[in-house]
Amino acid sequence: MYSIGEVSTRVGIKVPTLRYYEQAGLIPEPYRSSGGQRRYSDSDLERLGFIKHARQLGFSLASIKNLITLGEDVERDCDDVHRLAESNLAAVKAKLTLLRDLEKELKRIVAGCRSGHVGKCYVIESLSKHEWCAGDHELER
């Protein structure tokens, strides 16, 4: 059994995040020692590693919860898992498109900045006047 600090170090997840995952139902409530300290098993570490990797790949907590549930039925067809992965891939592609648009707009603004003082700074003026932008680049779509 591992303490929350040991789990944090082994898996590379901060202690508050571990507590959050517990509250969110991504990991079962851990065993408590007689002193009330959380104690985690090897299977808890494995699940936390799964969660961390899924987060690194951009899966939402809701999707991870679904993946965990789906993964518990080893005889189940993996079509639902595949659909979740495809959906995540589509979201990542959309974010990449948006990031490319942001890059183009920022390059345009930076290239336009030739003034020697802030009073006539093209960057400051561009940020104040969204209508000057060459395209849509709203971060939250």
Protein backbone atom coordinates (compact mmCIF):
# COMPACT_ATOMS: atom_id res chain seq x y z
CA MET A 1 0.00 0.00 0.00
CA TYR A 2 1.20 3.49 -0.86
CA SER A 3 0.63 6.86 0.78
CA ILE A 4 -0.79 9.70 -1.28
CA GLY A 5 2.68 11.30 -1.41
CA GLU A 6 4.26 8.08 -2.71
CA VAL A 7 1.55 7.77 -5.35
CA SER A 8 2.07 11.38 -6.36
CA THR A 9 5.78 10.77 -6.85
CA ARG A 10 5.44 7.39 -8.57
CA VAL A 11 2.71 8.40 -11.01
CA GLY A 12 3.68 12.05 -11.41
CA ILE A 13 0.31 13.47 -10.43
CA LYS A 14 -0.02 16.22 -7.83
CA VAL A 15 -1.75 15.39 -4.54
CA PRO A 16 -4.69 17.80 -5.10
CA THR A 17 -5.24 16.19 -8.50
CA LEU A 18 -5.34 12.73 -6.91
CA ARG A 19 -7.98 13.95 -4.48
CA TYR A 20 -9.91 15.52 -7.34
CA TYR A 21 -9.88 12.27 -9.32
CA GLU A 22 -11.21 10.49 -6.26
CA GLN A 23 -14.01 13.05 -5.84
CA ALA A 24 -14.82 12.83 -9.56
CA GLY A 25 -15.22 9.05 -9.29
CA LEU A 26 -12.30 8.22 -11.58
CA ILE A 27 -10.65 6.15 -8.89
CA PRO A 28 -12.38 4.30 -6.08
CA GLU A 29 -12.18 5.75 -2.61
CA PRO A 30 -8.89 4.43 -1.28
CA TYR A 31 -8.46 2.34 1.82
CA ARG A 32 -7.86 4.45 4.94
CA SER A 33 -5.31 3.58 7.59
CA SER A 34 -6.29 3.56 11.24
CA GLY A 35 -5.02 7.16 11.32
CA GLY A 36 -7.29 8.11 8.40
CA GLN A 37 -4.54 8.35 5.80
CA ARG A 38 -5.32 7.30 2.24
CA ARG A 39 -3.59 4.10 1.14
CA TYR A 40 -3.40 3.12 -2.51
CA SER A 41 -2.87 -0.28 -4.11
CA ASP A 42 -0.93 -1.30 -7.20
CA SER A 43 -4.20 -1.37 -9.16
CA ASP A 44 -4.88 2.22 -8.06
CA LEU A 45 -1.45 3.22 -9.39
CA GLU A 46 -2.20 1.44 -12.67
CA ARG A 47 -5.52 3.24 -13.03
CA LEU A 48 -3.92 6.59 -12.20
CA GLY A 49 -1.28 5.92 -14.85
CA PHE A 50 -4.09 5.22 -17.33
CA ILE A 51 -5.84 8.46 -16.37
CA LYS A 52 -2.64 10.49 -16.63
CA HIS A 53 -1.84 9.09 -20.07
CA ALA A 54 -5.40 9.66 -21.30
CA ARG A 55 -5.24 13.27 -20.06
CA GLN A 56 -1.91 13.74 -21.86
CA LEU A 57 -3.67 12.60 -25.04
CA GLY A 58 -6.40 15.18 -24.52
CA PHE A 59 -9.27 13.02 -23.30
CA SER A 60 -11.78 14.81 -21.09
CA LEU A 61 -12.48 13.50 -17.60
CA ALA A 62 -15.95 12.42 -18.74
CA SER A 63 -14.44 10.45 -21.63
CA ILE A 64 -11.88 8.88 -19.30
CA LYS A 65 -14.65 7.83 -16.92
CA ASN A 66 -16.46 6.22 -19.88
CA LEU A 67 -13.25 4.51 -21.01
CA ILE A 68 -12.70 3.11 -17.52
CA THR A 69 -16.26 1.79 -17.39
CA LEU A 70 -16.01 0.31 -20.88
CA GLY A 71 -12.62 -1.23 -20.09
CA GLU A 72 -14.00 -3.09 -17.09
CA ASP A 73 -16.06 -5.36 -19.37
CA VAL A 74 -13.27 -7.32 -21.10
CA GLU A 75 -15.74 -9.27 -23.27
CA ARG A 76 -17.38 -6.12 -24.62
CA ASP A 77 -16.93 -5.09 -28.24
CA CYS A 78 -14.56 -2.11 -28.43
CA ASP A 79 -16.68 -0.06 -30.88
CA ASP A 80 -17.66 2.41 -28.15
CA VAL A 81 -14.03 2.82 -27.13
CA HIS A 82 -13.09 3.39 -30.76
CA ARG A 83 -15.80 6.04 -31.12
CA LEU A 84 -14.52 7.88 -28.04
CA ALA A 85 -10.98 7.82 -29.43
CA GLU A 86 -12.19 9.05 -32.83
CA SER A 87 -14.11 11.87 -31.16
CA ASN A 88 -11.01 12.88 -29.21
CA LEU A 89 -8.93 12.78 -32.39
CA ALA A 90 -11.43 15.07 -34.12
CA ALA A 91 -11.24 17.51 -31.19
CA VAL A 92 -7.43 17.50 -31.33
CA LYS A 93 -7.52 18.17 -35.09
CA ALA A 94 -9.90 21.09 -34.53
CA LYS A 95 -7.57 22.53 -31.88
CA LEU A 96 -4.62 22.17 -34.22
CA THR A 97 -6.49 24.07 -36.93
CA LEU A 98 -7.31 26.79 -34.44
CA LEU A 99 -3.70 26.96 -33.24
CA ARG A 100 -2.50 27.33 -36.83
CA ASP A 101 -4.98 30.18 -37.31
CA LEU A 102 -3.70 31.81 -34.11
CA GLU A 103 -0.14 31.45 -35.31
CA LYS A 104 -0.95 33.13 -38.64
CA GLU A 105 -2.71 36.01 -36.92
CA LEU A 106 0.07 36.53 -34.38
CA LYS A 107 2.71 36.46 -37.14
CA ARG A 108 0.71 39.09 -39.03
CA ILE A 109 0.40 41.32 -35.96
CA VAL A 110 4.08 40.95 -35.01
CA ALA A 111 5.17 41.69 -38.59
CA GLY A 112 3.07 44.87 -38.55
CA CYS A 113 4.74 46.24 -35.43
CA ARG A 114 7.39 48.73 -36.59
CA SER A 115 6.80 51.68 -34.27
CA GLY A 116 9.38 52.85 -31.80
CA HIS A 117 6.95 53.67 -28.96
CA VAL A 118 3.91 52.13 -27.32
CA GLY A 119 1.64 55.04 -28.26
CA LYS A 120 1.65 53.79 -31.87
CA CYS A 121 2.29 50.09 -31.24
CA TYR A 122 0.59 47.93 -33.86
CA VAL A 123 0.35 44.99 -31.44
CA ILE A 124 -1.49 47.07 -28.84
CA GLU A 125 -3.75 48.62 -31.48
CA SER A 126 -4.50 45.21 -33.05
CA LEU A 127 -5.45 43.74 -29.70
CA SER A 128 -7.80 46.69 -29.14
CA LYS A 129 -9.40 46.42 -32.58
CA HIS A 130 -10.55 42.87 -33.27
CA GLU A 131 -11.95 44.01 -36.63
CA TRP A 132 -8.37 44.41 -37.85
CA CYS A 133 -7.84 40.67 -37.63
CA ALA A 134 -7.47 38.72 -40.85
CA GLY A 135 -9.61 35.77 -39.74
CA ASP A 136 -11.48 33.96 -37.00
CA HIS A 137 -9.29 32.80 -34.18
CA GLU A 138 -11.55 32.66 -31.18
CA LEU A 139 -10.01 30.20 -28.73
CA GLU A 140 -13.33 28.92 -27.35
CA ARG A 141 -15.55 27.81 -30.21
